[in-house]
């Protein structure tokens, strides 16, 4: 997870399967590219590598794990490795 983008996937892959902007819109109803296109309240969970909005951070992490990575059958017995990048 970085200030600008979230890159998520499995360690067995050569590159992240999911790459999207680290932004939340309309109180957690839209994420990533969809959030960028929305009119209304937007939250950037991180600024300069620091978490500044814990509510938005939690929302985008839940979205990433449940809606992106969690949709894969490979997630059942997989450990989570989280790194921060700028």
N, C-alpha and C. Protein backbone atom coordinates (compact mmCIF):
# COMPACT_ATOMS: atom_id res chain seq x y z
N UNK A 1 0.85 -1.17 0.00
CA UNK A 1 0.00 0.00 0.00
C UNK A 1 0.90 1.23 0.00
N UNK A 2 0.63 2.12 -0.90
CA UNK A 2 1.39 3.36 -0.97
C UNK A 2 0.48 4.56 -0.90
N UNK A 3 1.06 5.71 -0.84
CA UNK A 3 0.29 6.94 -0.79
C UNK A 3 -0.60 7.10 -2.02
N UNK A 4 -0.06 6.78 -3.20
CA UNK A 4 -0.81 6.98 -4.44
C UNK A 4 -1.58 5.77 -4.91
N UNK A 5 -0.99 4.58 -4.77
CA UNK A 5 -1.62 3.37 -5.31
C UNK A 5 -1.53 2.21 -4.34
N UNK A 6 -2.50 1.32 -4.46
CA UNK A 6 -2.46 0.04 -3.77
C UNK A 6 -2.11 -1.00 -4.82
N UNK A 7 -1.15 -1.83 -4.49
CA UNK A 7 -0.76 -2.94 -5.35
C UNK A 7 -0.93 -4.20 -4.53
N UNK A 8 -1.81 -5.08 -4.98
CA UNK A 8 -2.13 -6.27 -4.21
C UNK A 8 -2.11 -7.51 -5.10
N UNK A 9 -1.73 -8.61 -4.51
CA UNK A 9 -1.70 -9.86 -5.24
C UNK A 9 -1.08 -10.94 -4.38
N UNK A 10 -0.63 -11.98 -5.02
CA UNK A 10 -0.04 -13.11 -4.32
C UNK A 10 1.46 -13.16 -4.56
N UNK A 11 2.20 -13.60 -3.56
CA UNK A 11 3.65 -13.67 -3.68
C UNK A 11 4.09 -14.59 -4.81
N UNK A 12 3.27 -15.55 -5.16
CA UNK A 12 3.61 -16.49 -6.24
C UNK A 12 3.52 -15.84 -7.63
N UNK A 13 2.87 -14.68 -7.72
CA UNK A 13 2.76 -13.97 -8.99
C UNK A 13 3.99 -13.10 -9.22
N UNK A 14 4.33 -12.88 -10.48
CA UNK A 14 5.51 -12.06 -10.79
C UNK A 14 5.25 -10.56 -10.60
N UNK A 15 3.98 -10.17 -10.58
CA UNK A 15 3.63 -8.77 -10.35
C UNK A 15 2.25 -8.71 -9.69
N UNK A 16 1.91 -7.57 -9.07
CA UNK A 16 0.61 -7.46 -8.41
C UNK A 16 -0.55 -7.63 -9.41
N UNK A 17 -1.54 -8.38 -9.01
CA UNK A 17 -2.70 -8.58 -9.87
C UNK A 17 -3.63 -7.37 -9.86
N UNK A 18 -3.68 -6.68 -8.73
CA UNK A 18 -4.58 -5.54 -8.59
C UNK A 18 -3.77 -4.28 -8.30
N UNK A 19 -3.94 -3.26 -9.11
CA UNK A 19 -3.29 -1.97 -8.91
C UNK A 19 -4.36 -0.90 -9.11
N UNK A 20 -4.58 -0.09 -8.08
CA UNK A 20 -5.60 0.94 -8.17
C UNK A 20 -5.28 2.10 -7.23
N UNK A 21 -5.80 3.30 -7.53
CA UNK A 21 -5.52 4.48 -6.70
C UNK A 21 -6.00 4.29 -5.26
N UNK A 22 -5.22 4.79 -4.33
CA UNK A 22 -5.53 4.70 -2.91
C UNK A 22 -6.44 5.87 -2.52
N UNK A 23 -7.72 5.73 -2.87
CA UNK A 23 -8.71 6.78 -2.60
C UNK A 23 -10.06 6.14 -2.33
N UNK A 24 -10.81 6.77 -1.43
CA UNK A 24 -12.15 6.31 -1.04
C UNK A 24 -13.11 7.48 -1.28
N UNK A 25 -14.29 7.19 -1.80
CA UNK A 25 -15.28 8.25 -2.03
C UNK A 25 -16.63 7.89 -1.44
N UNK A 26 -17.36 8.91 -1.11
CA UNK A 26 -18.74 8.79 -0.61
C UNK A 26 -18.85 7.80 0.55
N UNK A 27 -18.00 8.02 1.56
CA UNK A 27 -18.02 7.24 2.80
C UNK A 27 -17.90 5.74 2.57
N UNK A 28 -16.99 5.34 1.71
CA UNK A 28 -16.70 3.93 1.53
C UNK A 28 -17.56 3.21 0.52
N UNK A 29 -18.26 3.94 -0.32
CA UNK A 29 -19.08 3.29 -1.34
C UNK A 29 -18.32 3.06 -2.64
N UNK A 30 -17.26 3.85 -2.86
CA UNK A 30 -16.46 3.72 -4.09
C UNK A 30 -14.98 3.76 -3.75
N UNK A 31 -14.20 3.00 -4.53
CA UNK A 31 -12.77 2.89 -4.29
C UNK A 31 -12.00 2.99 -5.60
N UNK A 32 -10.73 3.40 -5.51
CA UNK A 32 -9.86 3.40 -6.67
C UNK A 32 -10.33 4.30 -7.79
N UNK A 33 -10.29 3.78 -9.02
CA UNK A 33 -10.66 4.56 -10.20
C UNK A 33 -12.10 5.05 -10.13
N UNK A 34 -12.98 4.23 -9.61
CA UNK A 34 -14.38 4.66 -9.47
C UNK A 34 -14.49 5.85 -8.53
N UNK A 35 -13.71 5.84 -7.47
CA UNK A 35 -13.73 6.96 -6.51
C UNK A 35 -13.21 8.25 -7.15
N UNK A 36 -12.19 8.12 -7.99
CA UNK A 36 -11.64 9.31 -8.66
C UNK A 36 -12.69 9.98 -9.53
N UNK A 37 -13.57 9.21 -10.12
CA UNK A 37 -14.58 9.74 -11.04
C UNK A 37 -15.79 10.32 -10.31
N UNK A 38 -15.91 10.06 -9.03
CA UNK A 38 -17.09 10.49 -8.29
C UNK A 38 -17.03 11.96 -7.90
N UNK A 39 -18.19 12.57 -7.85
CA UNK A 39 -18.32 13.91 -7.31
C UNK A 39 -18.79 13.74 -5.87
N UNK A 40 -18.21 14.46 -4.98
CA UNK A 40 -18.60 14.34 -3.58
C UNK A 40 -17.38 14.18 -2.70
N UNK A 41 -17.63 13.72 -1.49
CA UNK A 41 -16.57 13.59 -0.49
C UNK A 41 -15.58 12.50 -0.88
N UNK A 42 -14.30 12.86 -0.90
CA UNK A 42 -13.23 11.90 -1.19
C UNK A 42 -12.24 11.92 -0.04
N UNK A 43 -11.67 10.75 0.24
CA UNK A 43 -10.68 10.65 1.31
C UNK A 43 -9.45 9.92 0.78
N UNK A 44 -8.31 10.47 1.10
CA UNK A 44 -7.04 9.84 0.78
C UNK A 44 -6.50 9.28 2.09
N UNK A 45 -6.48 7.97 2.25
CA UNK A 45 -6.08 7.37 3.54
C UNK A 45 -4.66 7.70 3.95
N UNK A 46 -3.77 7.96 2.98
CA UNK A 46 -2.37 8.22 3.30
C UNK A 46 -1.88 9.48 2.61
N UNK A 47 -1.01 10.20 3.29
CA UNK A 47 -0.33 11.35 2.71
C UNK A 47 1.14 11.24 3.08
N UNK A 48 1.99 11.30 2.08
CA UNK A 48 3.44 11.19 2.28
C UNK A 48 3.84 9.96 3.10
N UNK A 49 3.18 8.83 2.82
CA UNK A 49 3.54 7.58 3.47
C UNK A 49 2.99 7.40 4.88
N UNK A 50 2.21 8.35 5.36
CA UNK A 50 1.63 8.27 6.70
C UNK A 50 0.12 8.11 6.61
N UNK A 51 -0.44 7.22 7.42
CA UNK A 51 -1.90 7.08 7.47
C UNK A 51 -2.46 8.30 8.16
N UNK A 52 -3.33 9.01 7.46
CA UNK A 52 -3.92 10.24 7.99
C UNK A 52 -5.42 10.13 8.21
N UNK A 53 -6.04 9.13 7.62
CA UNK A 53 -7.48 8.93 7.77
C UNK A 53 -7.71 7.44 8.04
N UNK A 54 -7.77 7.09 9.32
CA UNK A 54 -7.86 5.68 9.70
C UNK A 54 -9.17 5.03 9.24
N UNK A 55 -10.24 5.77 9.20
CA UNK A 55 -11.52 5.23 8.73
C UNK A 55 -11.43 4.85 7.25
N UNK A 56 -10.89 5.75 6.43
CA UNK A 56 -10.73 5.48 5.00
C UNK A 56 -9.72 4.35 4.78
N UNK A 57 -8.67 4.30 5.60
CA UNK A 57 -7.67 3.23 5.51
C UNK A 57 -8.33 1.87 5.75
N UNK A 58 -9.12 1.79 6.79
CA UNK A 58 -9.82 0.54 7.11
C UNK A 58 -10.76 0.15 5.97
N UNK A 59 -11.49 1.11 5.43
CA UNK A 59 -12.42 0.82 4.34
C UNK A 59 -11.71 0.29 3.11
N UNK A 60 -10.60 0.91 2.72
CA UNK A 60 -9.93 0.47 1.50
C UNK A 60 -9.19 -0.85 1.72
N UNK A 61 -8.72 -1.10 2.94
CA UNK A 61 -8.10 -2.39 3.23
C UNK A 61 -9.14 -3.52 3.18
N UNK A 62 -10.32 -3.27 3.75
CA UNK A 62 -11.39 -4.27 3.69
C UNK A 62 -11.81 -4.53 2.25
N UNK A 63 -11.91 -3.48 1.46
CA UNK A 63 -12.25 -3.62 0.04
C UNK A 63 -11.18 -4.45 -0.68
N UNK A 64 -9.92 -4.13 -0.43
CA UNK A 64 -8.83 -4.85 -1.09
C UNK A 64 -8.84 -6.33 -0.73
N UNK A 65 -8.99 -6.63 0.54
CA UNK A 65 -8.93 -8.03 0.98
C UNK A 65 -10.20 -8.80 0.62
N UNK A 66 -11.35 -8.21 0.85
CA UNK A 66 -12.61 -8.92 0.63
C UNK A 66 -13.06 -8.94 -0.83
N UNK A 67 -12.93 -7.80 -1.50
CA UNK A 67 -13.48 -7.69 -2.86
C UNK A 67 -12.46 -7.99 -3.96
N UNK A 68 -11.21 -7.82 -3.69
CA UNK A 68 -10.19 -8.08 -4.71
C UNK A 68 -9.51 -9.42 -4.44
N UNK A 69 -8.66 -9.47 -3.45
CA UNK A 69 -7.91 -10.69 -3.16
C UNK A 69 -8.83 -11.81 -2.69
N UNK A 70 -9.80 -11.49 -1.88
CA UNK A 70 -10.69 -12.49 -1.29
C UNK A 70 -11.58 -13.21 -2.29
N UNK A 71 -11.73 -12.68 -3.49
CA UNK A 71 -12.55 -13.33 -4.52
C UNK A 71 -11.84 -14.53 -5.12
N UNK A 72 -10.54 -14.62 -4.89
CA UNK A 72 -9.76 -15.71 -5.44
C UNK A 72 -9.89 -16.96 -4.56
N UNK A 73 -9.88 -18.12 -5.17
CA UNK A 73 -9.92 -19.37 -4.42
C UNK A 73 -8.61 -19.61 -3.68
N UNK A 74 -7.54 -18.92 -4.09
CA UNK A 74 -6.22 -19.12 -3.50
C UNK A 74 -6.08 -18.49 -2.12
N UNK A 75 -7.03 -17.71 -1.67
CA UNK A 75 -6.89 -16.94 -0.43
C UNK A 75 -7.12 -17.78 0.82
N UNK A 76 -7.78 -18.89 0.72
CA UNK A 76 -8.20 -19.66 1.89
C UNK A 76 -7.09 -19.91 2.90
N UNK A 77 -5.97 -20.40 2.47
CA UNK A 77 -4.88 -20.73 3.39
C UNK A 77 -3.64 -19.88 3.13
N UNK A 78 -3.84 -18.62 2.81
CA UNK A 78 -2.74 -17.75 2.46
C UNK A 78 -2.51 -16.70 3.55
N UNK A 79 -1.26 -16.49 3.91
CA UNK A 79 -0.92 -15.45 4.87
C UNK A 79 -0.91 -14.09 4.18
N UNK A 80 -1.16 -13.06 4.93
CA UNK A 80 -1.18 -11.70 4.39
C UNK A 80 0.16 -11.05 4.67
N UNK A 81 0.75 -10.47 3.64
CA UNK A 81 2.00 -9.73 3.77
C UNK A 81 1.72 -8.31 3.31
N UNK A 82 1.80 -7.34 4.20
CA UNK A 82 1.50 -5.96 3.89
C UNK A 82 2.78 -5.14 3.94
N UNK A 83 3.05 -4.42 2.85
CA UNK A 83 4.20 -3.52 2.83
C UNK A 83 3.74 -2.14 2.43
N UNK A 84 4.43 -1.16 2.90
CA UNK A 84 4.13 0.23 2.56
C UNK A 84 5.19 0.75 1.62
N UNK A 85 4.76 1.41 0.55
CA UNK A 85 5.70 1.99 -0.41
C UNK A 85 5.31 3.42 -0.69
N UNK A 86 6.25 4.21 -1.06
CA UNK A 86 5.96 5.60 -1.45
C UNK A 86 6.20 5.77 -2.92
